[in-house]
C-alpha atoms as a PDB file:
ATOM      1  CA  MET A   1      53.983  -1.116  20.791  1.00  0.00           C
ATOM      2  CA  ALA A   2      49.886  -1.668  19.917  1.00  0.00           C
ATOM      3  CA  ASP A   3      47.747  -1.909  23.287  1.00  0.00           C
ATOM      4  CA  GLN A   4      45.447  -4.669  24.119  1.00  0.00           C
ATOM      5  CA  ARG A   5      42.045  -4.593  25.699  1.00  0.00           C
ATOM      6  CA  ILE A   6      39.803  -7.179  27.594  1.00  0.00           C
ATOM      7  CA  LEU A   7      35.935  -6.602  28.342  1.00  0.00           C
ATOM      8  CA  PHE A   8      34.574  -8.201  31.661  1.00  0.00           C
ATOM      9  CA  ALA A   9      32.315  -8.625  33.827  1.00  0.00           C
ATOM     10  CA  LYS A  10      32.762  -7.842  37.231  1.00  0.00           C
ATOM     11  CA  GLU A  11      29.195  -9.010  39.647  1.00  0.00           C
ATOM     12  CA  GLY A  12      27.708 -11.594  42.418  1.00  0.00           C
ATOM     13  CA  THR A  13      30.176 -10.871  44.709  1.00  0.00           C
ATOM     14  CA  ALA A  14      32.950  -8.727  42.955  1.00  0.00           C
ATOM     15  CA  ARG A  15      30.282  -5.859  43.601  1.00  0.00           C
ATOM     16  CA  TYR A  16      32.484  -5.603  46.952  1.00  0.00           C
ATOM     17  CA  ILE A  17      35.957  -5.099  45.366  1.00  0.00           C
ATOM     18  CA  SER A  18      37.113  -1.333  45.813  1.00  0.00           C
ATOM     19  CA  HIS A  19      38.695  -0.195  42.165  1.00  0.00           C
ATOM     20  CA  LEU A  20      42.398   0.023  43.195  1.00  0.00           C
ATOM     21  CA  ASP A  21      41.954  -3.556  44.693  1.00  0.00           C
ATOM     22  CA  LEU A  22      40.552  -4.569  41.137  1.00  0.00           C
ATOM     23  CA  MET A  23      43.559  -2.828  39.275  1.00  0.00           C
ATOM     24  CA  HIS A  24      45.458  -5.292  41.924  1.00  0.00           C
ATOM     25  CA  THR A  25      43.559  -8.182  41.697  1.00  0.00           C
ATOM     26  CA  MET A  26      43.712  -8.255  37.488  1.00  0.00           C
ATOM     27  CA  GLU A  27      47.837  -7.234  37.943  1.00  0.00           C
ATOM     28  CA  ARG A  28      48.175 -10.214  39.920  1.00  0.00           C
ATOM     29  CA  ALA A  29      46.032 -12.871  38.165  1.00  0.00           C
ATOM     30  CA  PHE A  30      48.312 -11.541  34.846  1.00  0.00           C
ATOM     31  CA  LEU A  31      50.995 -13.183  37.107  1.00  0.00           C
ATOM     32  CA  ARG A  32      48.826 -16.305  37.392  1.00  0.00           C
ATOM     33  CA  ALA A  33      48.543 -16.898  34.551  1.00  0.00           C
ATOM     34  CA  GLY A  34      52.179 -16.980  33.264  1.00  0.00           C
ATOM     35  CA  ILE A  35      51.238 -13.687  30.652  1.00  0.00           C
ATOM     36  CA  THR A  36      53.891 -10.331  30.871  1.00  0.00           C
ATOM     37  CA  ILE A  37      52.190  -7.537  30.294  1.00  0.00           C
ATOM     38  CA  ARG A  38      54.114  -4.082  29.296  1.00  0.00           C
ATOM     39  CA  HIS A  39      55.711  -2.115  32.655  1.00  0.00           C
ATOM     40  CA  THR A  40      56.154   1.581  32.614  1.00  0.00           C
ATOM     41  CA  ALA A  41      59.397   2.709  32.525  1.00  0.00           C
ATOM     42  CA  GLY A  42      61.903   4.811  35.584  1.00  0.00           C
ATOM     43  CA  PHE A  43      63.242   3.815  39.056  1.00  0.00           C
ATOM     44  CA  HIS A  44      59.994   2.354  39.515  1.00  0.00           C
ATOM     45  CA  PRO A  45      58.247   0.251  37.270  1.00  0.00           C
ATOM     46  CA  HIS A  46      54.429  -0.900  37.507  1.00  0.00           C
ATOM     47  CA  PRO A  47      52.031  -2.514  35.312  1.00  0.00           C
ATOM     48  CA  TYR A  48      50.665  -0.561  32.298  1.00  0.00           C
ATOM     49  CA  VAL A  49      46.513  -1.030  32.722  1.00  0.00           C
ATOM     50  CA  SER A  50      44.418   1.040  32.747  1.00  0.00           C
ATOM     51  CA  ILE A  51      40.232   1.464  32.890  1.00  0.00           C
ATOM     52  CA  PRO A  52      38.873   4.764  31.236  1.00  0.00           C
ATOM     53  CA  LEU A  53      35.800   4.228  33.237  1.00  0.00           C
ATOM     54  CA  PRO A  54      36.118   2.663  37.292  1.00  0.00           C
ATOM     55  CA  LEU A  55      33.206   1.197  38.369  1.00  0.00           C
ATOM     56  CA  PRO A  56      31.727   2.910  41.509  1.00  0.00           C
ATOM     57  CA  LEU A  57      31.579  -0.093  44.307  1.00  0.00           C
ATOM     58  CA  PHE A  58      28.623  -2.038  45.062  1.00  0.00           C
ATOM     59  CA  PHE A  59      27.619  -1.528  40.855  1.00  0.00           C
ATOM     60  CA  SER A  60      27.333  -4.790  38.934  1.00  0.00           C
ATOM     61  CA  SER A  61      27.967  -4.811  34.961  1.00  0.00           C
ATOM     62  CA  GLN A  62      29.126  -6.836  32.277  1.00  0.00           C
ATOM     63  CA  CYS A  63      31.104  -3.897  29.481  1.00  0.00           C
ATOM     64  CA  GLU A  64      33.962  -2.889  31.986  1.00  0.00           C
ATOM     65  CA  LEU A  65      37.309  -2.610  29.948  1.00  0.00           C
ATOM     66  CA  MET A  66      40.521  -2.541  30.639  1.00  0.00           C
ATOM     67  CA  GLU A  67      43.561  -1.475  28.486  1.00  0.00           C
ATOM     68  CA  PHE A  68      47.293  -3.139  28.476  1.00  0.00           C
ATOM     69  CA  GLY A  69      50.150  -4.076  26.632  1.00  0.00           C
ATOM     70  CA  LEU A  70      50.459  -7.852  26.074  1.00  0.00           C
ATOM     71  CA  VAL A  71      54.515  -8.879  26.129  1.00  0.00           C
ATOM     72  CA  GLU A  72      54.411 -12.770  25.769  1.00  0.00           C
ATOM     73  CA  GLY A  73      52.963 -15.908  27.650  1.00  0.00           C
ATOM     74  CA  SER A  74      49.157 -15.425  25.973  1.00  0.00           C
ATOM     75  CA  THR A  75      47.187 -14.532  22.018  1.00  0.00           C
ATOM     76  CA  VAL A  76      44.254 -12.000  22.072  1.00  0.00           C
ATOM     77  CA  GLU A  77      42.615 -15.440  21.455  1.00  0.00           C
ATOM     78  CA  ALA A  78      43.568 -17.324  24.304  1.00  0.00           C
ATOM     79  CA  LEU A  79      43.664 -14.614  27.526  1.00  0.00           C
ATOM     80  CA  PRO A  80      40.296 -14.630  28.355  1.00  0.00           C
ATOM     81  CA  GLU A  81      40.192 -18.793  29.250  1.00  0.00           C
ATOM     82  CA  GLN A  82      43.933 -17.921  30.900  1.00  0.00           C
ATOM     83  CA  MET A  83      42.863 -15.269  32.767  1.00  0.00           C
ATOM     84  CA  ASN A  84      39.143 -16.480  33.997  1.00  0.00           C
ATOM     85  CA  ARG A  85      40.995 -20.016  35.291  1.00  0.00           C
ATOM     86  CA  VAL A  86      42.630 -17.713  37.974  1.00  0.00           C
ATOM     87  CA  LEU A  87      40.528 -15.073  38.412  1.00  0.00           C
ATOM     88  CA  PRO A  88      38.228 -15.017  41.149  1.00  0.00           C
ATOM     89  CA  ALA A  89      34.200 -15.312  41.376  1.00  0.00           C
ATOM     90  CA  GLY A  90      32.225 -13.218  39.664  1.00  0.00           C
ATOM     91  CA  ILE A  91      34.839 -11.720  37.454  1.00  0.00           C
ATOM     92  CA  ARG A  92      34.979 -12.728  33.660  1.00  0.00           C
ATOM     93  CA  VAL A  93      36.873 -11.392  31.313  1.00  0.00           C
ATOM     94  CA  LEU A  94      34.849 -12.105  27.549  1.00  0.00           C
ATOM     95  CA  ASP A  95      36.838 -10.952  24.914  1.00  0.00           C
ATOM     96  CA  CYS A  96      40.554  -9.415  24.055  1.00  0.00           C
ATOM     97  CA  TYR A  97      40.891  -7.824  21.300  1.00  0.00           C
ATOM     98  CA  GLU A  98      43.454  -5.008  19.859  1.00  0.00           C
ATOM     99  CA  GLY A  99      43.110  -1.809  20.323  1.00  0.00           C
ATOM    100  CA  GLY A 100      40.234  -0.092  19.811  1.00  0.00           C
ATOM    101  CA  LEU A 101      38.360   3.879  20.025  1.00  0.00           C
ATOM    102  CA  PRO A 102      40.102   6.038  22.098  1.00  0.00           C
ATOM    103  CA  PHE A 103      39.107   6.509  25.530  1.00  0.00           C
ATOM    104  CA  ARG A 104      37.956  10.683  24.576  1.00  0.00           C
ATOM    105  CA  LYS A 105      35.486   8.836  22.488  1.00  0.00           C
ATOM    106  CA  LEU A 106      33.414   7.022  25.392  1.00  0.00           C
ATOM    107  CA  ALA A 107      30.335   9.604  26.033  1.00  0.00           C
ATOM    108  CA  PHE A 108      27.088   7.149  27.212  1.00  0.00           C
ATOM    109  CA  VAL A 109      26.409   4.793  29.903  1.00  0.00           C
ATOM    110  CA  ARG A 110      23.268   2.001  29.577  1.00  0.00           C
ATOM    111  CA  TYR A 111      22.322   1.025  33.127  1.00  0.00           C
ATOM    112  CA  ASP A 112      19.884  -0.871  34.245  1.00  0.00           C
ATOM    113  CA  ILE A 113      18.859  -0.105  37.610  1.00  0.00           C
ATOM    114  CA  THR A 114      16.005  -1.612  39.747  1.00  0.00           C
ATOM    115  CA  LEU A 115      14.561  -0.492  42.960  1.00  0.00           C
ATOM    116  CA  GLU A 116      12.599  -1.230  45.784  1.00  0.00           C
ATOM    117  CA  PHE A 117      10.077   0.492  47.492  1.00  0.00           C
ATOM    118  CA  ASP A 118       8.059   0.040  50.688  1.00  0.00           C
ATOM    119  CA  GLY A 119       4.687  -0.577  49.947  1.00  0.00           C
ATOM    120  CA  ASP A 120       3.026  -1.208  46.468  1.00  0.00           C
ATOM    121  CA  LEU A 121       4.153   2.684  45.501  1.00  0.00           C
ATOM    122  CA  ALA A 122       6.218   1.848  41.981  1.00  0.00           C
ATOM    123  CA  GLN A 123       3.724   3.013  39.733  1.00  0.00           C
ATOM    124  CA  GLN A 124       2.843   6.084  41.571  1.00  0.00           C
ATOM    125  CA  ALA A 125       7.422   6.371  41.838  1.00  0.00           C
ATOM    126  CA  GLY A 126       7.661   5.881  38.800  1.00  0.00           C
ATOM    127  CA  ASP A 127       5.240   8.634  37.481  1.00  0.00           C
ATOM    128  CA  ALA A 128       7.188  11.402  39.668  1.00  0.00           C
ATOM    129  CA  PHE A 129      10.345   9.613  38.071  1.00  0.00           C
ATOM    130  CA  ARG A 130       8.592  10.386  34.501  1.00  0.00           C
ATOM    131  CA  GLU A 131       7.861  14.025  35.696  1.00  0.00           C
ATOM    132  CA  LEU A 132      11.557  14.903  37.181  1.00  0.00           C
ATOM    133  CA  VAL A 133      13.479  13.752  34.326  1.00  0.00           C
ATOM    134  CA  GLY A 134      10.867  15.674  31.984  1.00  0.00           C
ATOM    135  CA  ARG A 135      12.025  18.785  33.386  1.00  0.00           C
ATOM    136  CA  GLU A 136      13.997  21.500  31.521  1.00  0.00           C
ATOM    137  CA  SER A 137      16.626  21.615  34.191  1.00  0.00           C
ATOM    138  CA  PHE A 138      17.073  19.561  38.017  1.00  0.00           C
ATOM    139  CA  VAL A 139      20.158  20.377  39.943  1.00  0.00           C
ATOM    140  CA  VAL A 140      21.467  18.318  42.380  1.00  0.00           C
ATOM    141  CA  LYS A 141      24.377  18.298  45.061  1.00  0.00           C
ATOM    142  CA  LYS A 142      27.100  15.889  45.037  1.00  0.00           C
ATOM    143  CA  ARG A 143      30.419  15.479  46.825  1.00  0.00           C
ATOM    144  CA  SER A 144      33.401  17.462  44.975  1.00  0.00           C
ATOM    145  CA  LYS A 145      36.575  17.113  46.309  1.00  0.00           C
ATOM    146  CA  LYS A 146      37.464  19.518  44.224  1.00  0.00           C
ATOM    147  CA  ALA A 147      35.015  22.105  45.437  1.00  0.00           C
ATOM    148  CA  LYS A 148      35.618  24.383  49.202  1.00  0.00           C
ATOM    149  CA  THR A 149      32.676  23.108  50.515  1.00  0.00           C
ATOM    150  CA  GLY A 150      33.009  19.452  49.349  1.00  0.00           C
ATOM    151  CA  PHE A 151      30.116  19.197  47.656  1.00  0.00           C
ATOM    152  CA  THR A 152      29.342  20.845  43.899  1.00  0.00           C
ATOM    153  CA  GLU A 153      26.157  21.444  42.014  1.00  0.00           C
ATOM    154  CA  VAL A 154      24.991  19.270  38.907  1.00  0.00           C
ATOM    155  CA  ASP A 155      21.858  20.076  36.277  1.00  0.00           C
ATOM    156  CA  VAL A 156      21.178  16.671  35.674  1.00  0.00           C
ATOM    157  CA  ILE A 157      19.176  16.999  33.355  1.00  0.00           C
ATOM    158  CA  PRO A 158      21.461  17.758  30.133  1.00  0.00           C
ATOM    159  CA  LEU A 159      23.606  14.484  31.583  1.00  0.00           C
ATOM    160  CA  ILE A 160      21.030  12.023  30.432  1.00  0.00           C
ATOM    161  CA  ARG A 161      20.082  10.802  26.349  1.00  0.00           C
ATOM    162  CA  ALA A 162      17.413   8.307  27.337  1.00  0.00           C
ATOM    163  CA  VAL A 163      14.824   6.786  29.087  1.00  0.00           C
ATOM    164  CA  GLU A 164      14.614   3.761  27.298  1.00  0.00           C
ATOM    165  CA  ALA A 165      12.572   2.180  30.557  1.00  0.00           C
ATOM    166  CA  VAL A 166      10.180   3.122  33.174  1.00  0.00           C
ATOM    167  CA  GLU A 167       8.592  -0.249  34.419  1.00  0.00           C
ATOM    168  CA  PRO A 168       6.703  -0.374  37.775  1.00  0.00           C
ATOM    169  CA  GLN A 169       5.383  -4.128  38.967  1.00  0.00           C
ATOM    170  CA  GLY A 170       4.600  -4.221  43.255  1.00  0.00           C
ATOM    171  CA  ASP A 171       6.860  -2.729  45.583  1.00  0.00           C
ATOM    172  CA  VAL A 172       9.393  -2.899  42.308  1.00  0.00           C
ATOM    173  CA  LEU A 173      10.570   0.188  39.886  1.00  0.00           C
ATOM    174  CA  ARG A 174      13.266  -0.851  36.698  1.00  0.00           C
ATOM    175  CA  LEU A 175      14.564   1.821  34.357  1.00  0.00           C
ATOM    176  CA  THR A 176      16.854   1.506  31.837  1.00  0.00           C
ATOM    177  CA  LEU A 177      18.974   5.130  31.427  1.00  0.00           C
ATOM    178  CA  VAL A 178      21.720   6.077  29.194  1.00  0.00           C
ATOM    179  CA  LEU A 179      23.433   8.708  30.796  1.00  0.00           C
ATOM    180  CA  GLY A 180      27.205  10.749  30.080  1.00  0.00           C
ATOM    181  CA  ALA A 181      30.075   8.889  30.761  1.00  0.00           C
ATOM    182  CA  GLN A 182      32.498  11.460  31.136  1.00  0.00           C
ATOM    183  CA  ASN A 183      33.430  15.255  30.827  1.00  0.00           C
ATOM    184  CA  PRO A 184      31.275  15.058  32.289  1.00  0.00           C
ATOM    185  CA  GLY A 185      29.219  12.157  33.598  1.00  0.00           C
ATOM    186  CA  LEU A 186      26.727  10.775  35.513  1.00  0.00           C
ATOM    187  CA  ASN A 187      27.345   8.357  38.355  1.00  0.00           C
ATOM    188  CA  PRO A 188      22.789   6.987  39.134  1.00  0.00           C
ATOM    189  CA  ASP A 189      23.740   7.192  42.630  1.00  0.00           C
ATOM    190  CA  VAL A 190      23.089  11.171  42.222  1.00  0.00           C
ATOM    191  CA  LEU A 191      20.111  10.834  39.824  1.00  0.00           C
ATOM    192  CA  LEU A 192      19.046   8.708  42.430  1.00  0.00           C
ATOM    193  CA  GLN A 193      19.702  11.065  45.664  1.00  0.00           C
ATOM    194  CA  GLY A 194      18.193  14.299  44.164  1.00  0.00           C
ATOM    195  CA  PHE A 195      15.604  11.615  43.342  1.00  0.00           C
ATOM    196  CA  LYS A 196      14.722  10.890  47.169  1.00  0.00           C
ATOM    197  CA  GLY A 197      15.310  14.663  48.070  1.00  0.00           C
ATOM    198  CA  GLU A 198      12.407  15.567  45.430  1.00  0.00           C
ATOM    199  CA  TYR A 199       9.930  13.100  46.263  1.00  0.00           C
ATOM    200  CA  PRO A 200      10.825  11.760  50.034  1.00  0.00           C
ATOM    201  CA  GLN A 201       7.010  10.345  49.902  1.00  0.00           C
ATOM    202  CA  PHE A 202       8.559   7.143  48.150  1.00  0.00           C
ATOM    203  CA  PRO A 203      11.297   5.751  50.427  1.00  0.00           C
ATOM    204  CA  ILE A 204      13.237   3.262  48.134  1.00  0.00           C
ATOM    205  CA  LEU A 205      14.841   0.352  50.581  1.00  0.00           C
ATOM    206  CA  TYR A 206      17.103  -1.285  48.021  1.00  0.00           C
ATOM    207  CA  SER A 207      18.500  -0.385  44.737  1.00  0.00           C
ATOM    208  CA  ALA A 208      20.884  -1.524  42.014  1.00  0.00           C
ATOM    209  CA  CYS A 209      22.636  -0.319  38.975  1.00  0.00           C
ATOM    210  CA  HIS A 210      23.940  -2.602  36.953  1.00  0.00           C
ATOM    211  CA  ARG A 211      26.042  -1.571  33.419  1.00  0.00           C
ATOM    212  CA  ARG A 212      25.142  -3.093  29.976  1.00  0.00           C
ATOM    213  CA  GLU A 213      26.775  -1.051  27.351  1.00  0.00           C
ATOM    214  CA  ILE A 214      29.404   1.392  27.099  1.00  0.00           C
ATOM    215  CA  LEU A 215      29.110   3.852  24.092  1.00  0.00           C
ATOM    216  CA  ASP A 216      30.291   6.150  21.462  1.00  0.00           C
ATOM    217  CA  GLU A 217      29.018   9.786  20.691  1.00  0.00           C
ATOM    218  CA  ASN A 218      26.770   8.358  17.688  1.00  0.00           C
ATOM    219  CA  GLY A 219      25.469   5.701  20.837  1.00  0.00           C
ATOM    220  CA  GLN A 220      27.202   2.405  19.096  1.00  0.00           C
ATOM    221  CA  VAL A 221      28.608   0.291  21.618  1.00  0.00           C
ATOM    222  CA  TYR A 222      32.000   0.960  22.215  1.00  0.00           C
ATOM    223  CA  ARG A 223      35.243  -0.740  22.047  1.00  0.00           C
END
């Protein structure tokens, strides 16, 4: 049976919904919309839904993907409107389509990042950020459930595909970065944590990360 995918946004107050709660929200939305989807086999069947790149808590996105198996009650053309009628504020289905590239072809994510500093420091912080990402290597310690110590070290530089924008304005610095998505991927929070440790003279008061696009290995929009 062929699978279907939806492209959806997760913004506003929905940024506070965890990945597990998001899965339950989507499953309930199918039920409320009268859409039957495929379930797994076995004694305890559950809805077949899969999100390849779980969005970190507090991140917003306009390019989230979910795969499922449509059985009856809708078509790919009608499904976005049906789902949007029952989804909570901040979650919005943008498109539904048949199939797509295998998830292993996911390679990069384009992020828009906003940083707010204490005082008129954005210009200096932007210069420092350019210096950091221009290095040949920059090792950051991050949490790891697999490591015995609870932490592991990762060189973030090979995981940065492109720095597309570093735009300071007053106390705000806006970044557009293309980062590795998986195997391994780079969470922007890990990079920002490394920046904070390297440049404590630029304290970040507020940060916001937004996923704009998911890309394949050729840098094309993944679907």
